[in-house]
Amino acid sequence: MAAVTRMKQRVRWGLDHALPRTVMTYAARKGDLPGRLIVESGRRETADLVDLFDAARASGPIHRGRLSFTTAAHAGVKEILTSPDFRTGIVRSGGPFDALRAWADVDMLGPLSPPSLLVTEPPDHTRYRKLVTRVFTVRAVEALRGRTEQIAHQLIDQLDPSAPVEMVETYCARLPLTVITEVLGVEPADQERVLAFGTAAAPSLDLGLSWKSFREVEAALVDFADWLGSHLEHLRAHPGDNLMSKLVAAKEDGVGLSDAELMATAGLVLAAGFETTVNLLGNAIVLLDRHPDQLARLGREPGLWPNAVDEVLRIDPPVLLTGRMAVRDTTVAGTRVPEGAIVSTLLAGANRDPQVFTEPDVFDVARANAGEHLAFSAGRHYCLGASLARMEGEVGLRVLYDRFPDLRVLPGARRRSTRILRGFETLPVALAG
């Protein structure tokens, strides 16, 4: 039985990560633009991919590659993300790999596994998201602002300004995860355990994982699911003043979310909400270090911090791209896209479209239309946690630079090797000048 279980896991990894990575690598060697984007994103900063974004836009609103389509045009990305002709996830077509995938499938909690909102479509998505958004409102997020500021100060109080500090581990990751554990109603005694789940499970959102990383992610998701089932039972018996307790109790026409949907929502909040905000904070610190004139302006005009967060999201978004599948023959900006075609919508490319953003490669914290970025996607799959991420980014950065205005990045900063998720794995800084 153990051998069969391991074989099924190998098949899942092969079909979901090893095979796509191999195919994309081969296509990239043949000069295929979508393949090059995926392969080169694993070793280049977002700013260093601009030539590929420009090449995609130069071929029109949507570029047809050997294996898939891609678009880096703001209008093209937005059209696909909002169109009913495209869906998230892959619809099986009855090919030979489908039978193998069905044999290897297991019920597993994960942000890319049904019934996660990321891969659910109407009508289920409509009912599901309506209930979730009734709880995760802008007003509910704003109510967390004071507590987020308190957490930021507490974390900074623990830092030693006389020595180099590794910011990802001590602050960029710790701040959003502490907020999320409180959103989920986690008892203080369990917070470290959930922080470990979030750190281990976040790579589940990426493409082309190694066998070792894939096993670690699946093990973390299994452990988290076991813990979460007990946690939801506890919240039903002892509801608290947290958003997860409210979601457990939420009903529409007398019907609430199923246990599977509640667990999927908690998993999505943990994995997606954690990793993207960690990347937002780290990317912002590096951008401000590289643009001291912009940091100085924020010191003079602190009211610009919310806009600065949007500009960070625009120029170095936490997620490079997202994929869609055409559910019928359709057109995008006059280009035919056949049923079953995969389209990569380059969020980072759309955010640098010169048709929308003047001098798109310039980092400007006062940019008038910075908020037009597509870092949070668009349409029915617009990021559920966008308001929370913006608030955490604004509070986390403002408090950090209020306390340490002379903070500077030290040599040794290292980007994550992930392709789709964009952020720093290590970020050493000196807090004092």
Foldseek 3Di string as FASTA:
>chain_A
DVVLLVVLLVLCCCVFFVVVLVVLCVQVVVVWLVSCQLVCLLPDALLVCLVSLVVQPVVHQWADTPAFIEGLALQLQQCQLADPQKAADADDDPDPSVVSNVSSDDDFAACRDPPHLRHDDPPVNVVLVVLLCVLLDLVNLVVCLVVLLVVLVVLVVPDDLVDKDWCLVRPLQVSQLVSLCVQQVHDPVCSVVLSVLQVLQQCVPFHNDDSVSSVSNRVSRVVLVVVVVVSLVVCVVPPDPHSLSVQSVTDDPRHHDDPSSSSNVSNCCRRVVRQQLSFLQQLLQQVCQVPVVQLVVCVVPVVLLLLLSLLSCLQRGQFQWGKIFRCAFDDRPRHTDHHGGMYIYGLNSNSQNCVVAPVSNDRHSVGPVSVSGCSQPDHSSRNSCPSNSSSSNSSNVVSLCVVQVPKHWDPDWAWRSTNGGTHTPTTIINRHD
